[in-house]
Amino acid sequence: LSGGNPANFLDVGGTANAERVEKAFRIILKDENVE
């Protein structure tokens, strides 16, 4: 609705600690289309 398109579906679960968040960021950033 904001004019973008989702690049992924990512559910980090209930324990969103630094380690999981970092891993999630690294995985998302592997996609060169992410702006």
PDB file of all heavy atoms in Angstrom:
ATOM      1  N   LEU A   1       0.817  -1.210   0.000  1.00  0.00           N
ATOM      2  CA  LEU A   1       0.000   0.000   0.000  1.00  0.00           C
ATOM      3  C   LEU A   1       0.856   1.267   0.000  1.00  0.00           C
ATOM      4  O   LEU A   1       0.396   2.327  -0.424  1.00  0.00           O
ATOM      5  CB  LEU A   1      -0.933   0.006   1.217  1.00  0.00           C
ATOM      6  CG  LEU A   1      -2.079  -1.023   1.192  1.00  0.00           C
ATOM      7  CD1 LEU A   1      -2.751  -1.110   2.553  1.00  0.00           C
ATOM      8  CD2 LEU A   1      -3.105  -0.662   0.122  1.00  0.00           C
ATOM      9  N   SER A   2       2.093   1.142   0.464  1.00  0.00           N
ATOM     10  CA  SER A   2       2.983   2.300   0.529  1.00  0.00           C
ATOM     11  C   SER A   2       3.768   2.508  -0.763  1.00  0.00           C
ATOM     12  O   SER A   2       4.633   3.379  -0.832  1.00  0.00           O
ATOM     13  CB  SER A   2       3.971   2.139   1.691  1.00  0.00           C
ATOM     14  OG  SER A   2       3.276   1.965   2.896  1.00  0.00           O
ATOM     15  N   GLY A   3       3.490   1.683  -1.755  1.00  0.00           N
ATOM     16  CA  GLY A   3       4.163   1.850  -3.046  1.00  0.00           C
ATOM     17  C   GLY A   3       5.375   0.962  -3.238  1.00  0.00           C
ATOM     18  O   GLY A   3       6.045   1.032  -4.264  1.00  0.00           O
ATOM     19  N   GLY A   4       5.673   0.108  -2.249  1.00  0.00           N
ATOM     20  CA  GLY A   4       6.787  -0.827  -2.395  1.00  0.00           C
ATOM     21  C   GLY A   4       6.293  -2.233  -2.673  1.00  0.00           C
ATOM     22  O   GLY A   4       5.088  -2.478  -2.806  1.00  0.00           O
ATOM     23  N   ASN A   5       7.227  -3.158  -2.754  1.00  0.00           N
ATOM     24  CA  ASN A   5       6.893  -4.576  -2.913  1.00  0.00           C
ATOM     25  C   ASN A   5       7.740  -5.379  -1.942  1.00  0.00           C
ATOM     26  O   ASN A   5       8.965  -5.171  -1.874  1.00  0.00           O
ATOM     27  CB  ASN A   5       7.179  -5.049  -4.349  1.00  0.00           C
ATOM     28  CG  ASN A   5       6.063  -4.683  -5.294  1.00  0.00           C
ATOM     29  OD1 ASN A   5       4.907  -5.015  -5.076  1.00  0.00           O
ATOM     30  ND2 ASN A   5       6.407  -3.960  -6.361  1.00  0.00           N
ATOM     31  N   PRO A   6       7.137  -6.277  -1.171  1.00  0.00           N
ATOM     32  CA  PRO A   6       7.932  -7.058  -0.207  1.00  0.00           C
ATOM     33  C   PRO A   6       8.962  -7.942  -0.907  1.00  0.00           C
ATOM     34  O   PRO A   6       8.657  -8.598  -1.898  1.00  0.00           O
ATOM     35  CB  PRO A   6       6.890  -7.890   0.540  1.00  0.00           C
ATOM     36  CG  PRO A   6       5.653  -7.856  -0.297  1.00  0.00           C
ATOM     37  CD  PRO A   6       5.702  -6.602  -1.096  1.00  0.00           C
ATOM     38  N   ALA A   7      10.186  -7.927  -0.381  1.00  0.00           N
ATOM     39  CA  ALA A   7      11.269  -8.727  -0.959  1.00  0.00           C
ATOM     40  C   ALA A   7      11.339 -10.101  -0.319  1.00  0.00           C
ATOM     41  O   ALA A   7      12.038 -10.988  -0.808  1.00  0.00           O
ATOM     42  CB  ALA A   7      12.602  -8.000  -0.783  1.00  0.00           C
ATOM     43  N   ASN A   8      10.633 -10.259   0.809  1.00  0.00           N
ATOM     44  CA  ASN A   8      10.678 -11.547   1.496  1.00  0.00           C
ATOM     45  C   ASN A   8       9.578 -11.620   2.550  1.00  0.00           C
ATOM     46  O   ASN A   8       8.956 -10.614   2.904  1.00  0.00           O
ATOM     47  CB  ASN A   8      12.037 -11.735   2.184  1.00  0.00           C
ATOM     48  CG  ASN A   8      12.277 -10.694   3.266  1.00  0.00           C
ATOM     49  OD1 ASN A   8      12.825  -9.641   2.993  1.00  0.00           O
ATOM     50  ND2 ASN A   8      11.836 -10.975   4.481  1.00  0.00           N
ATOM     51  N   PHE A   9       9.353 -12.832   3.020  1.00  0.00           N
ATOM     52  CA  PHE A   9       8.563 -13.085   4.229  1.00  0.00           C
ATOM     53  C   PHE A   9       9.571 -13.606   5.238  1.00  0.00           C
ATOM     54  O   PHE A   9      10.245 -14.605   4.978  1.00  0.00           O
ATOM     55  CB  PHE A   9       7.488 -14.137   3.931  1.00  0.00           C
ATOM     56  CG  PHE A   9       6.791 -14.684   5.150  1.00  0.00           C
ATOM     57  CD1 PHE A   9       5.563 -14.196   5.533  1.00  0.00           C
ATOM     58  CD2 PHE A   9       7.366 -15.690   5.916  1.00  0.00           C
ATOM     59  CE1 PHE A   9       4.913 -14.694   6.660  1.00  0.00           C
ATOM     60  CE2 PHE A   9       6.733 -16.196   7.036  1.00  0.00           C
ATOM     61  CZ  PHE A   9       5.497 -15.694   7.403  1.00  0.00           C
ATOM     62  N   LEU A  10       9.717 -12.897   6.386  1.00  0.00           N
ATOM     63  CA  LEU A  10      10.672 -13.360   7.383  1.00  0.00           C
ATOM     64  C   LEU A  10      10.080 -13.211   8.775  1.00  0.00           C
ATOM     65  O   LEU A  10       9.784 -12.101   9.222  1.00  0.00           O
ATOM     66  CB  LEU A  10      11.989 -12.577   7.282  1.00  0.00           C
ATOM     67  CG  LEU A  10      13.189 -13.224   8.016  1.00  0.00           C
ATOM     68  CD1 LEU A  10      14.499 -12.707   7.445  1.00  0.00           C
ATOM     69  CD2 LEU A  10      13.169 -13.002   9.507  1.00  0.00           C
ATOM     70  N   ASP A  11       9.882 -14.345   9.435  1.00  0.00           N
ATOM     71  CA  ASP A  11       9.350 -14.384  10.800  1.00  0.00           C
ATOM     72  C   ASP A  11      10.500 -14.790  11.726  1.00  0.00           C
ATOM     73  O   ASP A  11      10.987 -15.918  11.660  1.00  0.00           O
ATOM     74  CB  ASP A  11       8.196 -15.392  10.865  1.00  0.00           C
ATOM     75  CG  ASP A  11       7.676 -15.627  12.273  1.00  0.00           C
ATOM     76  OD1 ASP A  11       8.053 -14.855  13.176  1.00  0.00           O
ATOM     77  OD2 ASP A  11       6.896 -16.575  12.475  1.00  0.00           O
ATOM     78  N   VAL A  12      10.963 -13.834  12.577  1.00  0.00           N
ATOM     79  CA  VAL A  12      12.093 -14.138  13.471  1.00  0.00           C
ATOM     80  C   VAL A  12      11.649 -14.875  14.729  1.00  0.00           C
ATOM     81  O   VAL A  12      12.480 -15.294  15.535  1.00  0.00           O
ATOM     82  CB  VAL A  12      12.876 -12.859  13.871  1.00  0.00           C
ATOM     83  CG1 VAL A  12      13.599 -12.277  12.700  1.00  0.00           C
ATOM     84  CG2 VAL A  12      11.977 -11.839  14.536  1.00  0.00           C
ATOM     85  N   GLY A  13      10.343 -15.015  14.917  1.00  0.00           N
ATOM     86  CA  GLY A  13       9.839 -15.741  16.082  1.00  0.00           C
ATOM     87  C   GLY A  13       9.779 -14.882  17.328  1.00  0.00           C
ATOM     88  O   GLY A  13       9.997 -13.672  17.297  1.00  0.00           O
ATOM     89  N   GLY A  14       9.497 -15.511  18.451  1.00  0.00           N
ATOM     90  CA  GLY A  14       9.263 -14.778  19.700  1.00  0.00           C
ATOM     91  C   GLY A  14      10.521 -14.323  20.402  1.00  0.00           C
ATOM     92  O   GLY A  14      10.467 -13.466  21.278  1.00  0.00           O
ATOM     93  N   THR A  15      11.692 -14.889  20.029  1.00  0.00           N
ATOM     94  CA  THR A  15      12.941 -14.513  20.707  1.00  0.00           C
ATOM     95  C   THR A  15      13.809 -13.689  19.766  1.00  0.00           C
ATOM     96  O   THR A  15      14.803 -14.172  19.240  1.00  0.00           O
ATOM     97  CB  THR A  15      13.702 -15.765  21.169  1.00  0.00           C
ATOM     98  OG1 THR A  15      13.875 -16.640  20.030  1.00  0.00           O
ATOM     99  CG2 THR A  15      12.950 -16.493  22.254  1.00  0.00           C
ATOM    100  N   ALA A  16      13.402 -12.443  19.538  1.00  0.00           N
ATOM    101  CA  ALA A  16      14.121 -11.582  18.587  1.00  0.00           C
ATOM    102  C   ALA A  16      15.328 -10.953  19.278  1.00  0.00           C
ATOM    103  O   ALA A  16      15.386  -9.747  19.505  1.00  0.00           O
ATOM    104  CB  ALA A  16      13.177 -10.516  18.049  1.00  0.00           C
ATOM    105  N   ASN A  17      16.352 -11.776  19.622  1.00  0.00           N
ATOM    106  CA  ASN A  17      17.552 -11.260  20.273  1.00  0.00           C
ATOM    107  C   ASN A  17      18.556 -10.763  19.232  1.00  0.00           C
ATOM    108  O   ASN A  17      18.338 -10.881  18.029  1.00  0.00           O
ATOM    109  CB  ASN A  17      18.182 -12.327  21.175  1.00  0.00           C
ATOM    110  CG  ASN A  17      18.473 -13.618  20.412  1.00  0.00           C
ATOM    111  OD1 ASN A  17      18.792 -13.591  19.229  1.00  0.00           O
ATOM    112  ND2 ASN A  17      18.343 -14.751  21.098  1.00  0.00           N
ATOM    113  N   ALA A  18      19.660 -10.193  19.696  1.00  0.00           N
ATOM    114  CA  ALA A  18      20.645  -9.580  18.792  1.00  0.00           C
ATOM    115  C   ALA A  18      21.175 -10.574  17.760  1.00  0.00           C
ATOM    116  O   ALA A  18      21.337 -10.240  16.576  1.00  0.00           O
ATOM    117  CB  ALA A  18      21.793  -9.011  19.612  1.00  0.00           C
ATOM    118  N   GLU A  19      21.434 -11.799  18.213  1.00  0.00           N
ATOM    119  CA  GLU A  19      21.991 -12.820  17.309  1.00  0.00           C
ATOM    120  C   GLU A  19      21.021 -13.141  16.161  1.00  0.00           C
ATOM    121  O   GLU A  19      21.410 -13.197  14.991  1.00  0.00           O
ATOM    122  CB  GLU A  19      22.307 -14.078  18.113  1.00  0.00           C
ATOM    123  CG  GLU A  19      23.032 -15.147  17.313  1.00  0.00           C
ATOM    124  CD  GLU A  19      23.269 -16.418  18.119  1.00  0.00           C
ATOM    125  OE1 GLU A  19      23.114 -16.374  19.369  1.00  0.00           O
ATOM    126  OE2 GLU A  19      23.577 -17.445  17.501  1.00  0.00           O
ATOM    127  N   ARG A  20      19.746 -13.346  16.494  1.00  0.00           N
ATOM    128  CA  ARG A  20      18.743 -13.672  15.475  1.00  0.00           C
ATOM    129  C   ARG A  20      18.500 -12.476  14.551  1.00  0.00           C
ATOM    130  O   ARG A  20      18.349 -12.644  13.341  1.00  0.00           O
ATOM    131  CB  ARG A  20      17.433 -14.102  16.134  1.00  0.00           C
ATOM    132  CG  ARG A  20      17.499 -15.485  16.758  1.00  0.00           C
ATOM    133  CD  ARG A  20      16.242 -15.790  17.546  1.00  0.00           C
ATOM    134  NE  ARG A  20      15.106 -16.070  16.686  1.00  0.00           N
ATOM    135  CZ  ARG A  20      14.826 -17.247  16.152  1.00  0.00           C
ATOM    136  NH1 ARG A  20      15.627 -18.270  16.363  1.00  0.00           N
ATOM    137  NH2 ARG A  20      13.765 -17.427  15.407  1.00  0.00           N
ATOM    138  N   VAL A  21      18.459 -11.276  15.137  1.00  0.00           N
ATOM    139  CA  VAL A  21      18.241 -10.077  14.327  1.00  0.00           C
ATOM    140  C   VAL A  21      19.398  -9.880  13.349  1.00  0.00           C
ATOM    141  O   VAL A  21      19.190  -9.577  12.169  1.00  0.00           O
ATOM    142  CB  VAL A  21      18.067  -8.831  15.224  1.00  0.00           C
ATOM    143  CG1 VAL A  21      18.083  -7.551  14.394  1.00  0.00           C
ATOM    144  CG2 VAL A  21      16.765  -8.921  16.024  1.00  0.00           C
ATOM    145  N   GLU A  22      20.618 -10.099  13.828  1.00  0.00           N
ATOM    146  CA  GLU A  22      21.790  -9.957  12.958  1.00  0.00           C
ATOM    147  C   GLU A  22      21.729 -10.963  11.804  1.00  0.00           C
ATOM    148  O   GLU A  22      21.987 -10.620  10.649  1.00  0.00           O
ATOM    149  CB  GLU A  22      23.069 -10.155  13.765  1.00  0.00           C
ATOM    150  CG  GLU A  22      24.329  -9.992  12.927  1.00  0.00           C
ATOM    151  CD  GLU A  22      25.610 -10.197  13.725  1.00  0.00           C
ATOM    152  OE1 GLU A  22      25.564 -10.082  14.976  1.00  0.00           O
ATOM    153  OE2 GLU A  22      26.650 -10.483  13.103  1.00  0.00           O
ATOM    154  N   LYS A  23      21.399 -12.205  12.129  1.00  0.00           N
ATOM    155  CA  LYS A  23      21.306 -13.245  11.100  1.00  0.00           C
ATOM    156  C   LYS A  23      20.228 -12.875  10.075  1.00  0.00           C
ATOM    157  O   LYS A  23      20.430 -13.022   8.865  1.00  0.00           O
ATOM    158  CB  LYS A  23      20.964 -14.587  11.758  1.00  0.00           C
ATOM    159  CG  LYS A  23      21.033 -15.772  10.814  1.00  0.00           C
ATOM    160  CD  LYS A  23      22.447 -16.070  10.396  1.00  0.00           C
ATOM    161  CE  LYS A  23      22.551 -17.279   9.493  1.00  0.00           C
ATOM    162  NZ  LYS A  23      23.901 -17.505   8.991  1.00  0.00           N
ATOM    163  N   ALA A  24      19.088 -12.358  10.583  1.00  0.00           N
ATOM    164  CA  ALA A  24      17.994 -11.962   9.695  1.00  0.00           C
ATOM    165  C   ALA A  24      18.428 -10.828   8.766  1.00  0.00           C
ATOM    166  O   ALA A  24      18.157 -10.848   7.557  1.00  0.00           O
ATOM    167  CB  ALA A  24      16.779 -11.543  10.515  1.00  0.00           C
ATOM    168  N   PHE A  25      19.133  -9.832   9.322  1.00  0.00           N
ATOM    169  CA  PHE A  25      19.635  -8.721   8.500  1.00  0.00           C
ATOM    170  C   PHE A  25      20.560  -9.241   7.400  1.00  0.00           C
ATOM    171  O   PHE A  25      20.463  -8.846   6.235  1.00  0.00           O
ATOM    172  CB  PHE A  25      20.409  -7.713   9.365  1.00  0.00           C
ATOM    173  CG  PHE A  25      19.548  -6.642   9.979  1.00  0.00           C
ATOM    174  CD1 PHE A  25      19.760  -6.234  11.294  1.00  0.00           C
ATOM    175  CD2 PHE A  25      18.542  -6.022   9.251  1.00  0.00           C
ATOM    176  CE1 PHE A  25      18.976  -5.248  11.873  1.00  0.00           C
ATOM    177  CE2 PHE A  25      17.751  -5.038   9.830  1.00  0.00           C
ATOM    178  CZ  PHE A  25      17.972  -4.648  11.135  1.00  0.00           C
ATOM    179  N   ARG A  26      21.470 -10.119   7.773  1.00  0.00           N
ATOM    180  CA  ARG A  26      22.452 -10.637   6.796  1.00  0.00           C
ATOM    181  C   ARG A  26      21.758 -11.394   5.664  1.00  0.00           C
ATOM    182  O   ARG A  26      22.156 -11.296   4.503  1.00  0.00           O
ATOM    183  CB  ARG A  26      23.477 -11.530   7.488  1.00  0.00           C
ATOM    184  CG  ARG A  26      24.418 -10.769   8.413  1.00  0.00           C
ATOM    185  CD  ARG A  26      25.539 -11.653   8.939  1.00  0.00           C
ATOM    186  NE  ARG A  26      26.378 -10.971   9.911  1.00  0.00           N
ATOM    187  CZ  ARG A  26      27.382 -10.140   9.596  1.00  0.00           C
ATOM    188  NH1 ARG A  26      27.662  -9.896   8.335  1.00  0.00           N
ATOM    189  NH2 ARG A  26      28.098  -9.569  10.560  1.00  0.00           N
ATOM    190  N   ILE A  27      20.723 -12.153   6.016  1.00  0.00           N
ATOM    191  CA  ILE A  27      19.985 -12.914   4.996  1.00  0.00           C
ATOM    192  C   ILE A  27      19.229 -11.965   4.066  1.00  0.00           C
ATOM    193  O   ILE A  27      19.263 -12.115   2.841  1.00  0.00           O
ATOM    194  CB  ILE A  27      19.035 -13.929   5.672  1.00  0.00           C
ATOM    195  CG1 ILE A  27      19.849 -15.090   6.252  1.00  0.00           C
ATOM    196  CG2 ILE A  27      17.993 -14.451   4.682  1.00  0.00           C
ATOM    197  CD1 ILE A  27      19.080 -16.004   7.162  1.00  0.00           C
ATOM    198  N   ILE A  28      18.565 -10.961   4.639  1.00  0.00           N
ATOM    199  CA  ILE A  28      17.818  -9.996   3.819  1.00  0.00           C
ATOM    200  C   ILE A  28      18.756  -9.249   2.876  1.00  0.00           C
ATOM    201  O   ILE A  28      18.452  -9.032   1.701  1.00  0.00           O
ATOM    202  CB  ILE A  28      17.044  -9.000   4.717  1.00  0.00           C
ATOM    203  CG1 ILE A  28      15.907  -9.710   5.454  1.00  0.00           C
ATOM    204  CG2 ILE A  28      16.486  -7.837   3.892  1.00  0.00           C
ATOM    205  CD1 ILE A  28      15.233  -8.872   6.526  1.00  0.00           C
ATOM    206  N   LEU A  29      19.951  -8.863   3.384  1.00  0.00           N
ATOM    207  CA  LEU A  29      20.888  -8.056   2.598  1.00  0.00           C
ATOM    208  C   LEU A  29      21.562  -8.838   1.472  1.00  0.00           C
ATOM    209  O   LEU A  29      22.238  -8.245   0.627  1.00  0.00           O
ATOM    210  CB  LEU A  29      21.945  -7.446   3.525  1.00  0.00           C
ATOM    211  CG  LEU A  29      21.420  -6.340   4.461  1.00  0.00           C
ATOM    212  CD1 LEU A  29      22.452  -6.008   5.530  1.00  0.00           C
ATOM    213  CD2 LEU A  29      21.058  -5.097   3.664  1.00  0.00           C
ATOM    214  N   LYS A  30      21.388 -10.157   1.460  1.00  0.00           N
ATOM    215  CA  LYS A  30      21.927 -10.944   0.342  1.00  0.00           C
ATOM    216  C   LYS A  30      21.171 -10.662  -0.951  1.00  0.00           C
ATOM    217  O   LYS A  30      21.659 -10.937  -2.048  1.00  0.00           O
ATOM    218  CB  LYS A  30      21.856 -12.438   0.662  1.00  0.00           C
ATOM    219  CG  LYS A  30      22.897 -12.880   1.672  1.00  0.00           C
ATOM    220  CD  LYS A  30      22.900 -14.381   1.853  1.00  0.00           C
ATOM    221  CE  LYS A  30      24.043 -14.777   2.787  1.00  0.00           C
ATOM    222  NZ  LYS A  30      24.181 -16.226   2.931  1.00  0.00           N
ATOM    223  N   ASP A  31      19.943 -10.134  -0.810  1.00  0.00           N
ATOM    224  CA  ASP A  31      19.123  -9.814  -1.973  1.00  0.00           C
ATOM    225  C   ASP A  31      19.507  -8.424  -2.471  1.00  0.00           C
ATOM    226  O   ASP A  31      19.293  -7.411  -1.797  1.00  0.00           O
ATOM    227  CB  ASP A  31      17.639  -9.849  -1.582  1.00  0.00           C
ATOM    228  CG  ASP A  31      16.708  -9.660  -2.777  1.00  0.00           C
ATOM    229  OD1 ASP A  31      17.182  -9.247  -3.861  1.00  0.00           O
ATOM    230  OD2 ASP A  31      15.498  -9.919  -2.621  1.00  0.00           O
ATOM    231  N   GLU A  32      20.085  -8.350  -3.668  1.00  0.00           N
ATOM    232  CA  GLU A  32      20.561  -7.076  -4.220  1.00  0.00           C
ATOM    233  C   GLU A  32      19.425  -6.120  -4.566  1.00  0.00           C
ATOM    234  O   GLU A  32      19.648  -4.921  -4.770  1.00  0.00           O
ATOM    235  CB  GLU A  32      21.417  -7.340  -5.464  1.00  0.00           C
ATOM    236  CG  GLU A  32      22.706  -8.088  -5.150  1.00  0.00           C
ATOM    237  CD  GLU A  32      23.480  -8.456  -6.400  1.00  0.00           C
ATOM    238  OE1 GLU A  32      22.977  -8.161  -7.515  1.00  0.00           O
ATOM    239  OE2 GLU A  32      24.584  -9.020  -6.273  1.00  0.00           O
ATOM    240  N   ASN A  33      18.204  -6.631  -4.651  1.00  0.00           N
ATOM    241  CA  ASN A  33      17.065  -5.776  -5.010  1.00  0.00           C
ATOM    242  C   ASN A  33      16.501  -4.997  -3.823  1.00  0.00           C
ATOM    243  O   ASN A  33      15.665  -4.106  -4.011  1.00  0.00           O
ATOM    244  CB  ASN A  33      15.938  -6.620  -5.627  1.00  0.00           C
ATOM    245  CG  ASN A  33      16.365  -7.266  -6.927  1.00  0.00           C
ATOM    246  OD1 ASN A  33      17.062  -6.661  -7.728  1.00  0.00           O
ATOM    247  ND2 ASN A  33      15.977  -8.523  -7.132  1.00  0.00           N
ATOM    248  N   VAL A  34      16.942  -5.322  -2.606  1.00  0.00           N
ATOM    249  CA  VAL A  34      16.405  -4.667  -1.410  1.00  0.00           C
ATOM    250  C   VAL A  34      16.883  -3.220  -1.334  1.00  0.00           C
ATOM    251  O   VAL A  34      18.080  -2.939  -1.346  1.00  0.00           O
ATOM    252  CB  VAL A  34      16.809  -5.440  -0.134  1.00  0.00           C
ATOM    253  CG1 VAL A  34      16.472  -4.634   1.114  1.00  0.00           C
ATOM    254  CG2 VAL A  34      16.091  -6.783  -0.087  1.00  0.00           C
ATOM    255  N   GLU A  35      15.911  -2.289  -1.249  1.00  0.00           N
ATOM    256  CA  GLU A  35      16.215  -0.856  -1.171  1.00  0.00           C
ATOM    257  C   GLU A  35      15.939  -0.287   0.218  1.00  0.00           C
ATOM    258  O   GLU A  35      16.347   0.842   0.538  1.00  0.00           O
ATOM    259  CB  GLU A  35      15.378  -0.087  -2.204  1.00  0.00           C
ATOM    260  CG  GLU A  35      15.681  -0.479  -3.646  1.00  0.00           C
ATOM    261  CD  GLU A  35      14.730   0.170  -4.636  1.00  0.00           C
ATOM    262  OE1 GLU A  35      14.103   1.192  -4.279  1.00  0.00           O
ATOM    263  OE2 GLU A  35      14.603  -0.340  -5.757  1.00  0.00           O
TER     264      GLU A  35
END
